[in-house]
C-alpha atoms as a PDB file:
ATOM      1  CA  UNK A   1      -3.323 -26.264  20.598  1.00  0.00           C
ATOM      2  CA  UNK A   2      -0.810 -25.897  17.798  1.00  0.00           C
ATOM      3  CA  UNK A   3      -0.455 -22.514  16.118  1.00  0.00           C
ATOM      4  CA  UNK A   4       1.136 -22.094  12.678  1.00  0.00           C
ATOM      5  CA  UNK A   5       2.138 -18.652  11.426  1.00  0.00           C
ATOM      6  CA  UNK A   6       2.631 -17.511   7.856  1.00  0.00           C
ATOM      7  CA  UNK A   7       3.860 -14.067   6.927  1.00  0.00           C
ATOM      8  CA  UNK A   8       2.953 -13.300   3.310  1.00  0.00           C
ATOM      9  CA  UNK A   9       5.260 -10.745   1.633  1.00  0.00           C
ATOM     10  CA  UNK A  10       6.317  -9.223   4.982  1.00  0.00           C
ATOM     11  CA  UNK A  11       9.088  -9.873   7.502  1.00  0.00           C
ATOM     12  CA  UNK A  12       8.378 -12.251  10.368  1.00  0.00           C
ATOM     13  CA  UNK A  13       7.821 -10.720  13.786  1.00  0.00           C
ATOM     14  CA  UNK A  14       8.535 -12.700  16.949  1.00  0.00           C
ATOM     15  CA  UNK A  15       6.712 -10.133  19.072  1.00  0.00           C
ATOM     16  CA  UNK A  16       3.567 -10.313  16.948  1.00  0.00           C
ATOM     17  CA  UNK A  17       3.722 -14.111  16.904  1.00  0.00           C
ATOM     18  CA  UNK A  18       4.118 -14.266  20.694  1.00  0.00           C
ATOM     19  CA  UNK A  19       1.252 -11.823  21.295  1.00  0.00           C
ATOM     20  CA  UNK A  20      -1.050 -13.712  18.928  1.00  0.00           C
ATOM     21  CA  UNK A  21      -0.108 -17.049  20.462  1.00  0.00           C
ATOM     22  CA  UNK A  22      -0.880 -15.762  23.982  1.00  0.00           C
ATOM     23  CA  UNK A  23      -4.346 -14.617  22.895  1.00  0.00           C
ATOM     24  CA  UNK A  24      -5.042 -17.906  21.121  1.00  0.00           C
ATOM     25  CA  UNK A  25      -3.938 -19.877  24.199  1.00  0.00           C
ATOM     26  CA  UNK A  26      -6.503 -17.950  26.255  1.00  0.00           C
ATOM     27  CA  UNK A  27      -9.107 -18.973  23.673  1.00  0.00           C
ATOM     28  CA  UNK A  28      -7.970 -22.603  23.887  1.00  0.00           C
ATOM     29  CA  UNK A  29      -8.361 -22.523  27.676  1.00  0.00           C
ATOM     30  CA  UNK A  30     -11.864 -21.101  27.384  1.00  0.00           C
ATOM     31  CA  UNK A  31     -12.974 -23.283  24.464  1.00  0.00           C
ATOM     32  CA  UNK A  32     -11.385 -26.676  25.120  1.00  0.00           C
ATOM     33  CA  UNK A  33     -12.511 -28.195  21.810  1.00  0.00           C
ATOM     34  CA  UNK A  34     -10.001 -26.170  19.714  1.00  0.00           C
ATOM     35  CA  UNK A  35      -7.402 -28.284  17.885  1.00  0.00           C
ATOM     36  CA  UNK A  36      -5.163 -25.900  15.931  1.00  0.00           C
ATOM     37  CA  UNK A  37      -4.906 -22.448  14.382  1.00  0.00           C
ATOM     38  CA  UNK A  38      -3.509 -21.127  11.102  1.00  0.00           C
ATOM     39  CA  UNK A  39      -2.537 -17.452  11.284  1.00  0.00           C
ATOM     40  CA  UNK A  40      -1.725 -15.410   8.182  1.00  0.00           C
ATOM     41  CA  UNK A  41      -0.396 -11.856   8.222  1.00  0.00           C
ATOM     42  CA  UNK A  42      -0.460 -10.041   4.884  1.00  0.00           C
ATOM     43  CA  UNK A  43       0.025  -6.566   3.474  1.00  0.00           C
ATOM     44  CA  UNK A  44      -2.419  -5.102   0.971  1.00  0.00           C
ATOM     45  CA  UNK A  45      -0.351  -2.912  -1.345  1.00  0.00           C
ATOM     46  CA  UNK A  46      -3.417  -1.133  -2.762  1.00  0.00           C
ATOM     47  CA  UNK A  47      -4.841  -0.006   0.588  1.00  0.00           C
ATOM     48  CA  UNK A  48      -2.565   2.713   1.972  1.00  0.00           C
ATOM     49  CA  UNK A  49      -4.947   3.708   4.811  1.00  0.00           C
ATOM     50  CA  UNK A  50      -5.149   0.284   6.428  1.00  0.00           C
ATOM     51  CA  UNK A  51      -3.714  -2.597   4.433  1.00  0.00           C
ATOM     52  CA  UNK A  52      -2.521  -4.745   7.359  1.00  0.00           C
ATOM     53  CA  UNK A  53      -4.472  -8.000   7.101  1.00  0.00           C
ATOM     54  CA  UNK A  54      -4.777 -10.783   9.664  1.00  0.00           C
ATOM     55  CA  UNK A  55      -6.501 -14.072   8.757  1.00  0.00           C
ATOM     56  CA  UNK A  56      -7.041 -16.764  11.383  1.00  0.00           C
ATOM     57  CA  UNK A  57      -8.531 -20.179  10.705  1.00  0.00           C
ATOM     58  CA  UNK A  58      -9.381 -22.393  13.684  1.00  0.00           C
ATOM     59  CA  UNK A  59      -9.611 -26.141  13.411  1.00  0.00           C
ATOM     60  CA  UNK A  60     -12.162 -27.814  15.667  1.00  0.00           C
ATOM     61  CA  UNK A  61     -14.705 -30.632  15.459  1.00  0.00           C
ATOM     62  CA  UNK A  62     -17.109 -29.847  12.634  1.00  0.00           C
ATOM     63  CA  UNK A  63     -16.575 -27.069  10.090  1.00  0.00           C
ATOM     64  CA  UNK A  64     -13.574 -24.799  10.535  1.00  0.00           C
ATOM     65  CA  UNK A  65     -14.023 -21.239  11.763  1.00  0.00           C
ATOM     66  CA  UNK A  66     -12.422 -18.390   9.813  1.00  0.00           C
ATOM     67  CA  UNK A  67     -12.129 -14.650  10.418  1.00  0.00           C
ATOM     68  CA  UNK A  68     -10.195 -11.838   8.770  1.00  0.00           C
ATOM     69  CA  UNK A  69      -9.570  -8.176   9.534  1.00  0.00           C
ATOM     70  CA  UNK A  70      -7.937  -5.234   7.806  1.00  0.00           C
ATOM     71  CA  UNK A  71      -6.578  -2.425  10.008  1.00  0.00           C
ATOM     72  CA  UNK A  72      -3.887   0.260  10.293  1.00  0.00           C
ATOM     73  CA  UNK A  73      -1.477  -2.104  12.070  1.00  0.00           C
ATOM     74  CA  UNK A  74      -1.166  -5.832  12.605  1.00  0.00           C
ATOM     75  CA  UNK A  75      -1.974  -5.747  16.340  1.00  0.00           C
ATOM     76  CA  UNK A  76      -5.322  -4.030  15.712  1.00  0.00           C
ATOM     77  CA  UNK A  77      -6.122  -6.445  12.881  1.00  0.00           C
ATOM     78  CA  UNK A  78      -5.243  -9.421  15.082  1.00  0.00           C
ATOM     79  CA  UNK A  79      -7.431  -8.156  17.947  1.00  0.00           C
ATOM     80  CA  UNK A  80     -10.403  -7.580  15.622  1.00  0.00           C
ATOM     81  CA  UNK A  81      -9.977 -11.036  14.102  1.00  0.00           C
ATOM     82  CA  UNK A  82      -9.858 -12.715  17.516  1.00  0.00           C
ATOM     83  CA  UNK A  83     -12.969 -10.788  18.619  1.00  0.00           C
ATOM     84  CA  UNK A  84     -14.779 -12.125  15.537  1.00  0.00           C
ATOM     85  CA  UNK A  85     -13.591 -15.648  16.337  1.00  0.00           C
ATOM     86  CA  UNK A  86     -14.822 -15.371  19.945  1.00  0.00           C
ATOM     87  CA  UNK A  87     -18.270 -14.423  18.682  1.00  0.00           C
ATOM     88  CA  UNK A  88     -18.312 -17.443  16.359  1.00  0.00           C
ATOM     89  CA  UNK A  89     -16.971 -19.781  19.064  1.00  0.00           C
ATOM     90  CA  UNK A  90     -19.699 -18.740  21.504  1.00  0.00           C
ATOM     91  CA  UNK A  91     -22.313 -19.656  18.897  1.00  0.00           C
ATOM     92  CA  UNK A  92     -20.585 -22.982  18.242  1.00  0.00           C
ATOM     93  CA  UNK A  93     -20.390 -23.732  21.977  1.00  0.00           C
ATOM     94  CA  UNK A  94     -24.169 -23.264  22.242  1.00  0.00           C
ATOM     95  CA  UNK A  95     -24.610 -25.875  19.508  1.00  0.00           C
ATOM     96  CA  UNK A  96     -22.421 -28.321  21.446  1.00  0.00           C
ATOM     97  CA  UNK A  97     -24.472 -27.766  24.621  1.00  0.00           C
ATOM     98  CA  UNK A  98     -27.699 -28.793  22.913  1.00  0.00           C
ATOM     99  CA  UNK A  99     -26.317 -32.194  21.850  1.00  0.00           C
END
């Protein structure tokens, strides 16, 4: 699975990219139908409490799956986003089993 990262108005982080890529590889091993992922890390200037945003869009057969989270730091936002994606992927996998 190919993973593309975009950092919007923030500095790139190799550690964050590596951590995210490891988690997405685990997803790809569990859900073999995944093709690619687009990961966006952003900062919301207006939200001083949280404001760290992670958007992940997964490409797979059928409609794409998208999740986003806003948290105090990027690692928490990334974990919440991946948890949301896992929930959606489990539903999608059930659809594939019925066909």
